[in-house]
């Protein structure tokens, strides 16, 4: 990432140095996940749509520890593997909106709350800013080479209410709390970076 762009990483010290943690990343460009993987202070295992695991990219993604997920169903294999990452004290990366979009955390899916509550892992909000400001001249699908992309890590927080409940109501309430925290982090990151 540092060879192709000029990442400015802010707050990486907020990622706990050990133990399970979930990075909740906004997603507005294909480069967001690789950018976070490249600059995060700990190895990160992202849940990535199965459609990305094609050709030589498939074995590469598996080789670097990424997790294939079928977004059209409740993919039990992906869920089990993601929980395994957390049970082993690893870092799980999730795009809480489930797909690329505005990257504003406006419509969260329940998966993030499920993993956080089930594993008891803190969530670290991550804002990637600048990846969609303008297309590159050589490759239109990527940000311009050597352009600045900001990656801002926020304060870790617990999604649960402390009761240990895992009911549908508890997960819905956790999703609301998560959305408020992620939206607040994104607003702060924009102010901090001027983007």
N, C-alpha and C. Protein backbone atom coordinates (compact mmCIF):
# COMPACT_ATOMS: atom_id res chain seq x y z
N UNK A 1 0.82 -1.20 0.00
CA UNK A 1 0.00 0.00 0.00
C UNK A 1 0.86 1.26 0.00
N UNK A 2 1.95 1.21 0.77
CA UNK A 2 2.82 2.39 0.84
C UNK A 2 3.57 2.62 -0.47
N UNK A 3 3.74 1.59 -1.27
CA UNK A 3 4.41 1.75 -2.55
C UNK A 3 3.52 2.36 -3.61
N UNK A 4 2.22 2.12 -3.53
CA UNK A 4 1.30 2.60 -4.55
C UNK A 4 0.63 3.92 -4.18
N UNK A 5 0.33 4.10 -2.90
CA UNK A 5 -0.35 5.32 -2.45
C UNK A 5 0.42 5.91 -1.27
N UNK A 6 -0.11 6.98 -0.72
CA UNK A 6 0.49 7.60 0.46
C UNK A 6 -0.51 7.53 1.61
N UNK A 7 -0.59 6.36 2.26
CA UNK A 7 -1.53 6.26 3.38
C UNK A 7 -1.10 7.13 4.55
N UNK A 8 -2.08 7.79 5.15
CA UNK A 8 -1.84 8.50 6.40
C UNK A 8 -2.67 7.75 7.44
N UNK A 9 -1.99 7.13 8.38
CA UNK A 9 -2.64 6.28 9.37
C UNK A 9 -2.71 7.02 10.69
N UNK A 10 -3.91 7.17 11.20
CA UNK A 10 -4.14 7.89 12.45
C UNK A 10 -4.82 6.98 13.46
N UNK A 11 -4.31 6.94 14.67
CA UNK A 11 -4.94 6.20 15.76
C UNK A 11 -4.72 4.71 15.76
N UNK A 12 -3.73 4.20 15.03
CA UNK A 12 -3.49 2.75 15.00
C UNK A 12 -3.19 2.22 16.40
N UNK A 13 -2.68 3.06 17.27
CA UNK A 13 -2.39 2.65 18.65
C UNK A 13 -3.65 2.28 19.42
N UNK A 14 -4.81 2.65 18.90
CA UNK A 14 -6.06 2.31 19.58
C UNK A 14 -6.46 0.85 19.43
N UNK A 15 -5.88 0.15 18.45
CA UNK A 15 -6.18 -1.26 18.26
C UNK A 15 -5.51 -2.04 19.39
N UNK A 16 -6.29 -2.80 20.18
CA UNK A 16 -5.69 -3.57 21.27
C UNK A 16 -4.54 -4.43 20.75
N UNK A 17 -3.45 -4.49 21.52
CA UNK A 17 -2.25 -5.21 21.08
C UNK A 17 -2.41 -6.71 21.10
N UNK A 18 -3.37 -7.20 21.85
CA UNK A 18 -3.60 -8.65 21.90
C UNK A 18 -5.07 -8.91 22.16
N UNK A 19 -5.46 -10.15 21.98
CA UNK A 19 -6.85 -10.54 22.21
C UNK A 19 -7.72 -10.31 21.00
N UNK A 20 -8.93 -10.86 21.03
CA UNK A 20 -9.82 -10.72 19.89
C UNK A 20 -10.29 -9.29 19.71
N UNK A 21 -10.40 -8.88 18.46
CA UNK A 21 -10.91 -7.54 18.14
C UNK A 21 -11.53 -7.58 16.75
N UNK A 22 -12.54 -6.74 16.56
CA UNK A 22 -13.20 -6.62 15.27
C UNK A 22 -12.95 -5.22 14.72
N UNK A 23 -12.42 -5.14 13.51
CA UNK A 23 -12.28 -3.85 12.83
C UNK A 23 -13.52 -3.66 11.96
N UNK A 24 -14.31 -2.63 12.24
CA UNK A 24 -15.51 -2.31 11.47
C UNK A 24 -15.16 -1.18 10.52
N UNK A 25 -15.06 -1.50 9.23
CA UNK A 25 -14.51 -0.59 8.23
C UNK A 25 -15.60 -0.10 7.28
N UNK A 26 -15.63 1.22 7.03
CA UNK A 26 -16.55 1.72 5.99
C UNK A 26 -16.04 1.22 4.64
N UNK A 27 -16.94 1.11 3.68
CA UNK A 27 -16.56 0.48 2.40
C UNK A 27 -17.16 1.24 1.23
N UNK A 28 -16.33 2.05 0.60
CA UNK A 28 -16.80 2.79 -0.57
C UNK A 28 -15.98 2.48 -1.82
N UNK A 29 -14.86 1.72 -1.66
CA UNK A 29 -13.99 1.42 -2.80
C UNK A 29 -13.33 0.06 -2.60
N UNK A 30 -13.00 -0.60 -3.70
CA UNK A 30 -12.35 -1.93 -3.63
C UNK A 30 -11.03 -1.89 -2.88
N UNK A 31 -10.36 -0.77 -2.84
CA UNK A 31 -9.04 -0.69 -2.22
C UNK A 31 -9.13 -0.56 -0.69
N UNK A 32 -10.32 -0.32 -0.14
CA UNK A 32 -10.45 -0.09 1.30
C UNK A 32 -9.96 -1.27 2.14
N UNK A 33 -10.39 -2.48 1.81
CA UNK A 33 -9.96 -3.66 2.56
C UNK A 33 -8.46 -3.89 2.48
N UNK A 34 -7.89 -3.95 1.26
CA UNK A 34 -6.44 -4.11 1.17
C UNK A 34 -5.67 -2.99 1.87
N UNK A 35 -6.19 -1.77 1.85
CA UNK A 35 -5.52 -0.66 2.52
C UNK A 35 -5.46 -0.91 4.02
N UNK A 36 -6.59 -1.32 4.62
CA UNK A 36 -6.61 -1.59 6.05
C UNK A 36 -5.69 -2.77 6.37
N UNK A 37 -5.73 -3.83 5.56
CA UNK A 37 -4.83 -4.97 5.78
C UNK A 37 -3.37 -4.54 5.76
N UNK A 38 -3.06 -3.61 4.87
CA UNK A 38 -1.68 -3.18 4.71
C UNK A 38 -1.16 -2.25 5.80
N UNK A 39 -2.06 -1.54 6.48
CA UNK A 39 -1.60 -0.56 7.47
C UNK A 39 -1.99 -0.89 8.91
N UNK A 40 -2.85 -1.90 9.10
CA UNK A 40 -3.28 -2.25 10.46
C UNK A 40 -2.09 -2.75 11.27
N UNK A 41 -2.08 -2.48 12.57
CA UNK A 41 -0.94 -2.90 13.40
C UNK A 41 -0.91 -4.39 13.70
N UNK A 42 -1.99 -5.11 13.36
CA UNK A 42 -2.04 -6.56 13.56
C UNK A 42 -2.58 -7.22 12.29
N UNK A 43 -2.19 -8.48 12.03
CA UNK A 43 -2.75 -9.18 10.87
C UNK A 43 -4.28 -9.25 10.98
N UNK A 44 -4.94 -8.98 9.86
CA UNK A 44 -6.40 -8.91 9.85
C UNK A 44 -6.98 -9.92 8.87
N UNK A 45 -8.02 -10.60 9.31
CA UNK A 45 -8.74 -11.59 8.49
C UNK A 45 -10.10 -10.99 8.13
N UNK A 46 -10.28 -10.62 6.87
CA UNK A 46 -11.53 -10.02 6.43
C UNK A 46 -12.50 -11.07 5.92
N UNK A 47 -13.78 -10.83 6.16
CA UNK A 47 -14.83 -11.57 5.47
C UNK A 47 -14.98 -10.92 4.10
N UNK A 48 -14.73 -11.70 3.04
CA UNK A 48 -14.73 -11.17 1.67
C UNK A 48 -15.71 -11.98 0.84
N UNK A 49 -16.50 -11.30 0.01
CA UNK A 49 -17.50 -11.99 -0.82
C UNK A 49 -16.84 -13.07 -1.67
N UNK A 50 -17.56 -14.18 -1.83
CA UNK A 50 -17.01 -15.33 -2.55
C UNK A 50 -16.67 -14.99 -4.00
N UNK A 51 -17.34 -14.00 -4.57
CA UNK A 51 -17.09 -13.62 -5.96
C UNK A 51 -15.67 -13.11 -6.18
N UNK A 52 -15.01 -12.67 -5.12
CA UNK A 52 -13.63 -12.16 -5.24
C UNK A 52 -12.61 -13.30 -5.32
N UNK A 53 -13.01 -14.50 -4.93
CA UNK A 53 -12.10 -15.65 -4.90
C UNK A 53 -12.08 -16.37 -6.25
N UNK A 54 -11.75 -15.63 -7.30
CA UNK A 54 -11.72 -16.23 -8.64
C UNK A 54 -10.30 -16.22 -9.18
N UNK A 55 -10.01 -17.19 -10.05
CA UNK A 55 -8.69 -17.26 -10.69
C UNK A 55 -7.57 -17.32 -9.66
N UNK A 56 -6.42 -16.73 -9.98
CA UNK A 56 -5.28 -16.78 -9.07
C UNK A 56 -5.49 -15.97 -7.79
N UNK A 57 -6.47 -15.08 -7.78
CA UNK A 57 -6.74 -14.29 -6.58
C UNK A 57 -7.28 -15.16 -5.45
N UNK A 58 -8.03 -16.22 -5.79
CA UNK A 58 -8.60 -17.11 -4.78
C UNK A 58 -7.55 -17.73 -3.87
N UNK A 59 -6.57 -18.47 -4.44
CA UNK A 59 -5.54 -19.06 -3.58
C UNK A 59 -4.72 -18.00 -2.82
N UNK A 60 -4.51 -16.84 -3.44
CA UNK A 60 -3.78 -15.77 -2.77
C UNK A 60 -4.54 -15.29 -1.54
N UNK A 61 -5.85 -15.01 -1.70
CA UNK A 61 -6.65 -14.54 -0.57
C UNK A 61 -6.70 -15.58 0.55
N UNK A 62 -6.88 -16.85 0.18
CA UNK A 62 -6.85 -17.92 1.19
C UNK A 62 -5.49 -17.95 1.88
N UNK A 63 -4.43 -17.82 1.10
CA UNK A 63 -3.07 -17.89 1.64
C UNK A 63 -2.74 -16.80 2.64
N UNK A 64 -3.35 -15.63 2.49
CA UNK A 64 -3.09 -14.54 3.44
C UNK A 64 -4.15 -14.49 4.55
N UNK A 65 -4.96 -15.55 4.63
CA UNK A 65 -5.88 -15.69 5.76
C UNK A 65 -7.22 -15.01 5.63
N UNK A 66 -7.65 -14.69 4.40
CA UNK A 66 -8.94 -14.05 4.24
C UNK A 66 -10.05 -15.10 4.19
N UNK A 67 -11.27 -14.72 4.56
CA UNK A 67 -12.37 -15.65 4.73
C UNK A 67 -13.44 -15.42 3.66
N UNK A 68 -13.74 -16.45 2.90
CA UNK A 68 -14.74 -16.37 1.83
C UNK A 68 -16.14 -16.48 2.44
N UNK A 69 -17.04 -15.58 2.03
CA UNK A 69 -18.42 -15.62 2.53
C UNK A 69 -19.39 -15.53 1.36
N UNK A 70 -20.44 -16.35 1.44
CA UNK A 70 -21.54 -16.30 0.48
C UNK A 70 -22.60 -15.38 1.09
N UNK A 71 -22.75 -14.20 0.51
CA UNK A 71 -23.65 -13.21 1.10
C UNK A 71 -25.13 -13.49 0.82
N UNK A 72 -25.42 -14.47 -0.04
CA UNK A 72 -26.81 -14.74 -0.40
C UNK A 72 -27.51 -15.65 0.61
N UNK A 73 -26.74 -16.28 1.50
CA UNK A 73 -27.31 -17.19 2.50
C UNK A 73 -26.61 -16.94 3.84
N UNK A 74 -27.13 -17.58 4.89
CA UNK A 74 -26.43 -17.57 6.18
C UNK A 74 -25.30 -18.59 6.05
N UNK A 75 -24.12 -18.13 5.70
CA UNK A 75 -22.98 -18.99 5.39
C UNK A 75 -22.35 -19.50 6.69
N UNK A 76 -22.76 -20.70 7.11
CA UNK A 76 -22.31 -21.25 8.39
C UNK A 76 -20.81 -21.50 8.42
N UNK A 77 -20.24 -21.88 7.28
CA UNK A 77 -18.79 -22.12 7.24
C UNK A 77 -18.04 -20.83 7.50
N UNK A 78 -18.46 -19.74 6.85
CA UNK A 78 -17.81 -18.44 7.06
C UNK A 78 -18.00 -17.97 8.50
N UNK A 79 -19.19 -18.16 9.05
CA UNK A 79 -19.46 -17.75 10.42
C UNK A 79 -18.56 -18.50 11.39
N UNK A 80 -18.45 -19.82 11.19
CA UNK A 80 -17.61 -20.64 12.06
C UNK A 80 -16.15 -20.22 11.97
N UNK A 81 -15.67 -19.97 10.77
CA UNK A 81 -14.27 -19.55 10.60
C UNK A 81 -14.02 -18.18 11.22
N UNK A 82 -14.97 -17.26 11.05
CA UNK A 82 -14.81 -15.92 11.63
C UNK A 82 -14.79 -15.99 13.16
N UNK A 83 -15.69 -16.78 13.73
CA UNK A 83 -15.69 -16.95 15.19
C UNK A 83 -14.39 -17.61 15.65
N UNK A 84 -13.85 -18.52 14.82
CA UNK A 84 -12.58 -19.16 15.13
C UNK A 84 -11.43 -18.17 15.21
N UNK A 85 -11.43 -17.19 14.30
CA UNK A 85 -10.40 -16.14 14.34
C UNK A 85 -10.46 -15.42 15.67
N UNK A 86 -11.67 -15.07 16.10
CA UNK A 86 -11.84 -14.34 17.36
C UNK A 86 -11.51 -15.21 18.57
N UNK A 87 -11.93 -16.49 18.53
CA UNK A 87 -11.63 -17.39 19.64
C UNK A 87 -10.13 -17.59 19.83
N UNK A 88 -9.37 -17.48 18.73
CA UNK A 88 -7.91 -17.63 18.81
C UNK A 88 -7.21 -16.30 19.12
N UNK A 89 -8.00 -15.27 19.43
CA UNK A 89 -7.43 -13.97 19.79
C UNK A 89 -6.98 -13.14 18.61
N UNK A 90 -7.55 -13.41 17.44
CA UNK A 90 -7.16 -12.69 16.22
C UNK A 90 -8.02 -11.48 15.93
N UNK A 91 -7.73 -10.85 14.79
CA UNK A 91 -8.43 -9.64 14.35
C UNK A 91 -9.31 -10.00 13.16
N UNK A 92 -10.60 -9.71 13.29
CA UNK A 92 -11.57 -9.95 12.22
C UNK A 92 -11.96 -8.61 11.62
N UNK A 93 -11.84 -8.49 10.30
CA UNK A 93 -12.25 -7.28 9.60
C UNK A 93 -13.61 -7.48 8.97
N UNK A 94 -14.50 -6.52 9.17
CA UNK A 94 -15.86 -6.61 8.64
C UNK A 94 -16.25 -5.27 8.01
N UNK A 95 -16.92 -5.37 6.86
CA UNK A 95 -17.59 -4.21 6.27
C UNK A 95 -19.04 -4.30 6.72
N UNK A 96 -19.44 -3.56 7.77
CA UNK A 96 -20.76 -3.77 8.38
C UNK A 96 -21.94 -3.52 7.46
N UNK A 97 -21.73 -2.76 6.39
CA UNK A 97 -22.85 -2.51 5.48
C UNK A 97 -23.05 -3.68 4.51
N UNK A 98 -22.10 -4.61 4.50
CA UNK A 98 -22.25 -5.81 3.70
C UNK A 98 -21.83 -5.69 2.26
N UNK A 99 -21.74 -4.48 1.75
CA UNK A 99 -21.37 -4.27 0.36
C UNK A 99 -20.81 -2.87 0.19
N UNK A 100 -20.17 -2.64 -0.93
CA UNK A 100 -19.62 -1.33 -1.21
C UNK A 100 -20.77 -0.34 -1.44
N UNK A 101 -20.60 0.88 -0.96
CA UNK A 101 -21.64 1.89 -1.13
C UNK A 101 -21.07 3.26 -0.85
N UNK A 102 -21.83 4.07 -0.15
CA UNK A 102 -21.39 5.42 0.19
C UNK A 102 -20.31 5.40 1.27
N UNK A 103 -20.21 4.30 2.00
CA UNK A 103 -19.21 4.20 3.05
C UNK A 103 -19.52 5.05 4.26
N UNK A 104 -20.84 5.26 4.52
CA UNK A 104 -21.23 6.15 5.61
C UNK A 104 -21.89 5.42 6.79
N UNK A 105 -21.85 4.10 6.78
CA UNK A 105 -22.44 3.28 7.85
C UNK A 105 -23.94 3.51 7.99
N UNK A 106 -24.63 3.93 6.93
CA UNK A 106 -26.05 4.26 7.03
C UNK A 106 -26.94 3.03 7.18
N UNK A 107 -26.56 1.90 6.60
CA UNK A 107 -27.41 0.71 6.68
C UNK A 107 -26.58 -0.49 7.09
N UNK A 108 -26.56 -0.76 8.38
CA UNK A 108 -25.77 -1.87 8.90
C UNK A 108 -26.56 -3.17 8.84
N UNK A 109 -25.85 -4.25 8.55
CA UNK A 109 -26.44 -5.58 8.65
C UNK A 109 -26.12 -6.12 10.04
N UNK A 110 -26.83 -7.16 10.43
CA UNK A 110 -26.73 -7.65 11.81
C UNK A 110 -25.47 -8.47 12.10
N UNK A 111 -24.69 -8.81 11.08
CA UNK A 111 -23.53 -9.67 11.28
C UNK A 111 -22.52 -9.13 12.26
N UNK A 112 -22.22 -7.86 12.20
CA UNK A 112 -21.24 -7.26 13.09
C UNK A 112 -21.67 -7.41 14.55
N UNK A 113 -22.93 -7.10 14.84
CA UNK A 113 -23.43 -7.23 16.21
C UNK A 113 -23.36 -8.68 16.67
N UNK A 114 -23.69 -9.60 15.79
CA UNK A 114 -23.65 -11.02 16.14
C UNK A 114 -22.24 -11.43 16.56
N UNK A 115 -21.25 -11.12 15.72
CA UNK A 115 -19.88 -11.51 16.05
C UNK A 115 -19.38 -10.84 17.32
N UNK A 116 -19.69 -9.57 17.49
CA UNK A 116 -19.21 -8.83 18.66
C UNK A 116 -19.82 -9.36 19.95
N UNK A 117 -21.13 -9.58 19.94
CA UNK A 117 -21.82 -10.06 21.13
C UNK A 117 -21.46 -11.52 21.41
N UNK A 118 -21.46 -12.33 20.38
CA UNK A 118 -21.17 -13.77 20.56
C UNK A 118 -19.74 -13.99 21.08
N UNK A 119 -18.76 -13.28 20.50
CA UNK A 119 -17.36 -13.49 20.89
C UNK A 119 -16.93 -12.59 22.05
N UNK A 120 -17.73 -11.59 22.38
CA UNK A 120 -17.33 -10.65 23.42
C UNK A 120 -16.13 -9.82 23.02
N UNK A 121 -15.95 -9.64 21.72
CA UNK A 121 -14.79 -8.90 21.20
C UNK A 121 -15.11 -7.42 21.06
N UNK A 122 -14.18 -6.54 21.43
CA UNK A 122 -14.40 -5.11 21.21
C UNK A 122 -14.37 -4.78 19.72
N UNK A 123 -15.08 -3.73 19.37
CA UNK A 123 -15.11 -3.24 17.99
C UNK A 123 -14.26 -1.98 17.91
N UNK A 124 -13.39 -1.92 16.91
CA UNK A 124 -12.63 -0.71 16.62
C UNK A 124 -13.16 -0.15 15.31
N UNK A 125 -13.79 1.04 15.33
CA UNK A 125 -14.26 1.63 14.08
C UNK A 125 -13.07 2.11 13.24
N UNK A 126 -13.16 1.91 11.93
CA UNK A 126 -12.09 2.34 11.02
C UNK A 126 -12.73 3.09 9.86
N UNK A 127 -12.25 4.30 9.63
CA UNK A 127 -12.71 5.10 8.50
C UNK A 127 -11.60 5.20 7.46
N UNK A 128 -11.92 4.79 6.23
CA UNK A 128 -10.99 4.94 5.11
C UNK A 128 -11.54 6.09 4.26
N UNK A 129 -10.75 7.15 4.14
CA UNK A 129 -11.19 8.36 3.44
C UNK A 129 -10.22 8.71 2.33
N UNK A 130 -10.75 9.11 1.19
CA UNK A 130 -9.91 9.54 0.07
C UNK A 130 -9.80 8.53 -1.04
N UNK A 131 -10.32 7.33 -0.84
CA UNK A 131 -10.18 6.30 -1.88
C UNK A 131 -11.12 6.54 -3.06
N UNK A 132 -12.14 7.36 -2.88
CA UNK A 132 -13.11 7.59 -3.96
C UNK A 132 -13.12 9.03 -4.46
N UNK A 133 -12.18 9.86 -4.03
CA UNK A 133 -12.23 11.28 -4.39
C UNK A 133 -12.11 11.51 -5.89
N UNK A 134 -11.24 10.74 -6.55
CA UNK A 134 -11.12 10.86 -8.01
C UNK A 134 -10.50 9.59 -8.56
N UNK A 135 -10.83 9.26 -9.81
CA UNK A 135 -10.27 8.03 -10.40
C UNK A 135 -8.82 8.24 -10.84
N UNK A 136 -8.09 7.15 -10.89
CA UNK A 136 -6.71 7.20 -11.36
C UNK A 136 -6.65 7.45 -12.86
N UNK A 137 -5.51 7.95 -13.33
CA UNK A 137 -5.36 8.19 -14.77
C UNK A 137 -5.06 6.90 -15.52
N UNK A 138 -4.24 6.04 -14.93
CA UNK A 138 -3.87 4.80 -15.60
C UNK A 138 -4.93 3.71 -15.43
N UNK A 139 -5.40 3.54 -14.21
CA UNK A 139 -6.43 2.54 -13.92
C UNK A 139 -7.59 3.26 -13.25
N UNK A 140 -8.66 3.45 -13.99
CA UNK A 140 -9.80 4.25 -13.51
C UNK A 140 -10.45 3.66 -12.26
N UNK A 141 -10.34 2.33 -12.06
CA UNK A 141 -10.99 1.69 -10.93
C UNK A 141 -10.22 1.86 -9.62
N UNK A 142 -9.05 2.48 -9.66
CA UNK A 142 -8.24 2.67 -8.45
C UNK A 142 -8.01 4.16 -8.20
N UNK A 143 -7.76 4.54 -6.95
CA UNK A 143 -7.39 5.93 -6.69
C UNK A 143 -6.08 6.23 -7.43
N UNK A 144 -5.83 7.50 -7.75
CA UNK A 144 -4.58 7.84 -8.45
C UNK A 144 -3.36 7.35 -7.67
N UNK A 145 -2.39 6.83 -8.38
CA UNK A 145 -1.16 6.38 -7.73
C UNK A 145 -0.52 7.54 -7.00
N UNK A 146 0.04 7.24 -5.83
CA UNK A 146 0.72 8.20 -4.96
C UNK A 146 -0.23 9.24 -4.35
N UNK A 147 -1.56 9.02 -4.46
CA UNK A 147 -2.49 9.95 -3.81
C UNK A 147 -2.62 9.56 -2.32
N UNK A 148 -3.07 10.50 -1.51
CA UNK A 148 -3.19 10.25 -0.08
C UNK A 148 -4.52 9.57 0.23
N UNK A 149 -4.45 8.52 1.01
CA UNK A 149 -5.64 7.84 1.53
C UNK A 149 -5.49 7.83 3.05
N UNK A 150 -6.49 8.35 3.75
CA UNK A 150 -6.46 8.39 5.21
C UNK A 150 -7.15 7.17 5.79
N UNK A 151 -6.50 6.55 6.78
CA UNK A 151 -7.10 5.44 7.52
C UNK A 151 -7.09 5.86 8.99
N UNK A 152 -8.30 6.03 9.55
CA UNK A 152 -8.43 6.54 10.91
C UNK A 152 -9.07 5.47 11.80
N UNK A 153 -8.31 5.01 12.79
CA UNK A 153 -8.79 4.03 13.75
C UNK A 153 -9.41 4.75 14.94
N UNK A 154 -10.56 4.27 15.39
CA UNK A 154 -11.24 4.89 16.54
C UNK A 154 -11.03 4.11 17.81
N UNK A 155 -11.66 4.59 18.88
CA UNK A 155 -11.57 3.94 20.19
C UNK A 155 -12.36 2.64 20.20
N UNK A 156 -11.79 1.57 20.78
CA UNK A 156 -12.54 0.32 20.88
C UNK A 156 -13.73 0.47 21.81
N UNK A 157 -14.80 -0.27 21.51
CA UNK A 157 -15.98 -0.27 22.38
C UNK A 157 -16.65 -1.64 22.34
N UNK A 158 -17.43 -1.92 23.38
CA UNK A 158 -18.18 -3.17 23.45
C UNK A 158 -19.58 -2.93 22.90
N UNK A 159 -20.06 -3.86 22.09
CA UNK A 159 -21.38 -3.71 21.47
C UNK A 159 -22.50 -4.14 22.40
N UNK A 160 -22.23 -5.10 23.26
CA UNK A 160 -23.27 -5.63 24.14
C UNK A 160 -23.64 -4.65 25.23
N UNK A 161 -24.71 -4.99 25.94
CA UNK A 161 -25.18 -4.14 27.04
C UNK A 161 -24.66 -4.62 28.39
N UNK A 162 -23.78 -5.62 28.38
CA UNK A 162 -23.21 -6.13 29.61
C UNK A 162 -23.99 -7.29 30.22
N UNK A 163 -25.16 -7.59 29.65
CA UNK A 163 -26.01 -8.65 30.21
C UNK A 163 -25.61 -10.04 29.71
N UNK A 164 -24.90 -10.09 28.59
CA UNK A 164 -24.54 -11.37 28.00
C UNK A 164 -25.65 -11.98 27.16
N UNK A 165 -26.78 -11.27 27.04
CA UNK A 165 -27.90 -11.78 26.24
C UNK A 165 -27.53 -11.84 24.76
N UNK A 166 -28.05 -12.87 24.07
CA UNK A 166 -27.81 -13.03 22.63
C UNK A 166 -29.13 -13.16 21.87
N UNK A 167 -30.19 -12.61 22.42
CA UNK A 167 -31.50 -12.70 21.78
C UNK A 167 -31.56 -11.77 20.57
N UNK A 168 -32.58 -11.94 19.75
CA UNK A 168 -32.78 -11.08 18.58
C UNK A 168 -32.88 -9.62 19.04
N UNK A 169 -33.61 -9.39 20.14
CA UNK A 169 -33.77 -8.02 20.65
C UNK A 169 -32.41 -7.45 21.08
N UNK A 170 -31.60 -8.26 21.76
CA UNK A 170 -30.28 -7.81 22.21
C UNK A 170 -29.39 -7.47 21.02
N UNK A 171 -29.47 -8.28 19.95
CA UNK A 171 -28.66 -8.01 18.75
C UNK A 171 -29.15 -6.75 18.04
N UNK A 172 -30.48 -6.56 17.99
CA UNK A 172 -31.02 -5.34 17.37
C UNK A 172 -30.58 -4.09 18.14
N UNK A 173 -30.61 -4.18 19.46
CA UNK A 173 -30.17 -3.05 20.29
C UNK A 173 -28.67 -2.80 20.11
N UNK A 174 -27.89 -3.87 20.00
CA UNK A 174 -26.45 -3.73 19.78
C UNK A 174 -26.18 -3.09 18.43
N UNK A 175 -26.96 -3.45 17.41
CA UNK A 175 -26.77 -2.87 16.08
C UNK A 175 -27.00 -1.36 16.12
N UNK A 176 -28.01 -0.91 16.87
CA UNK A 176 -28.28 0.53 17.00
C UNK A 176 -27.10 1.22 17.69
N UNK A 177 -26.61 0.62 18.78
CA UNK A 177 -25.44 1.21 19.48
C UNK A 177 -24.22 1.27 18.56
N UNK A 178 -24.00 0.19 17.81
CA UNK A 178 -22.85 0.14 16.89
C UNK A 178 -22.97 1.23 15.84
N UNK A 179 -24.16 1.36 15.24
CA UNK A 179 -24.35 2.36 14.19
C UNK A 179 -24.07 3.77 14.71
N UNK A 180 -24.52 4.06 15.91
CA UNK A 180 -24.26 5.39 16.49
C UNK A 180 -22.77 5.63 16.66
N UNK A 181 -22.05 4.63 17.17
CA UNK A 181 -20.60 4.78 17.39
C UNK A 181 -19.85 4.91 16.07
N UNK A 182 -20.21 4.08 15.08
CA UNK A 182 -19.51 4.12 13.79
C UNK A 182 -19.77 5.44 13.06
N UNK A 183 -21.01 5.90 13.09
CA UNK A 183 -21.35 7.17 12.44
C UNK A 183 -20.60 8.32 13.11
N UNK A 184 -20.56 8.30 14.45
CA UNK A 184 -19.82 9.34 15.18
C UNK A 184 -18.34 9.31 14.85
N UNK A 185 -17.77 8.11 14.75
CA UNK A 185 -16.34 8.01 14.40
C UNK A 185 -16.09 8.56 13.00
N UNK A 186 -16.95 8.23 12.06
CA UNK A 186 -16.76 8.72 10.69
C UNK A 186 -16.82 10.24 10.64
N UNK A 187 -17.75 10.83 11.37
CA UNK A 187 -17.84 12.31 11.42
C UNK A 187 -16.56 12.90 12.01
N UNK A 188 -16.07 12.31 13.10
CA UNK A 188 -14.83 12.79 13.71
C UNK A 188 -13.63 12.63 12.77
N UNK A 189 -13.58 11.50 12.07
CA UNK A 189 -12.48 11.25 11.13
C UNK A 189 -12.49 12.28 10.00
N UNK A 190 -13.67 12.62 9.52
CA UNK A 190 -13.77 13.63 8.45
C UNK A 190 -13.30 14.99 8.95
N UNK A 191 -13.69 15.34 10.17
CA UNK A 191 -13.24 16.62 10.74
C UNK A 191 -11.70 16.61 10.91
N UNK A 192 -11.20 15.52 11.44
CA UNK A 192 -9.77 15.40 11.72
C UNK A 192 -8.92 15.49 10.45
N UNK A 193 -9.40 14.88 9.38
CA UNK A 193 -8.63 14.82 8.12
C UNK A 193 -8.98 15.93 7.14
N UNK A 194 -10.08 16.62 7.40
CA UNK A 194 -10.53 17.67 6.46
C UNK A 194 -11.15 17.10 5.21
N UNK A 195 -11.69 15.90 5.29
CA UNK A 195 -12.30 15.25 4.09
C UNK A 195 -13.79 15.11 4.23
